């Protein structure tokens, strides 16, 4: 969910750090999205290469196979209760037999907090569940991933990380759901500021965790707690205000960081 959702529809400013570190955002390939409307099953399958993107900074795999399968027994897309349960799997052949996992701490201007540095690797496999429940104006859920990297020189390390989130639309809106791609859309205010209304107000509490330390690889362990407020003035204009508290454990040193962030989002 975290990676499939369009970036400007997400409830937080930045995506999960562990996902940014381990799951490439771009690739060349083909994917198949399907649903069974009566049984409420869905699946997304994809196969990707780097034939066109070889040499680009995001091209870390020669080839990848990705599968996302889930069940939505309460499939109301725009109101009322919705339950989303999914499982993800990805396997890939590492480009140039060298892999580097790194991510910023959910703050784009910041430096990379977690970083394994380049290390020899032949392939990588990743899997994890995603569960979200929307009883109405509230959304509760999260996802977690484990990645195993084939790197005999480093003991074939395992890395893991995820996030949990709860949101509440105080002005009464329900975050809608795309039943084709199986992800949540942005909040659409009941009465926009242009119409003389308050717009849509959404409070968010998010906790994320990323562990890129295993054996000789000291990529770091990062967790962050982020309360934030989203103001959807219209369907196309959004103001975001966030405070974050993060703790990084790397090379035996523990550091703490406070984040004060705001963002103005305008969609054409």
Foldseek 3Di string as FASTA:
>chain_A
DQLLDDQVQDPANFGFFQCVFPPQNDFDWDKDWDADVVQQKIKIWIKGACPPPPPPPSHFFRIKIKMKIWGWPPPDFFFFKTKIKIKIKMKTFTPPQKGKGWGCPSDVVDDTQFIQDIDGFGMKMKMKMWIWIFRGQKIWIKMKMKMFTHHVVQPRDIWMKMKIKMKGWPQGGGFGADSGSGGTGHTAFPAAVVNVDQAIKMWMWMKIWTGPDDGPGFRKIKIKIKIKMWGGRHPFKIKIWIWMWMWIATPNDIDIDIDTDMDIGGDD
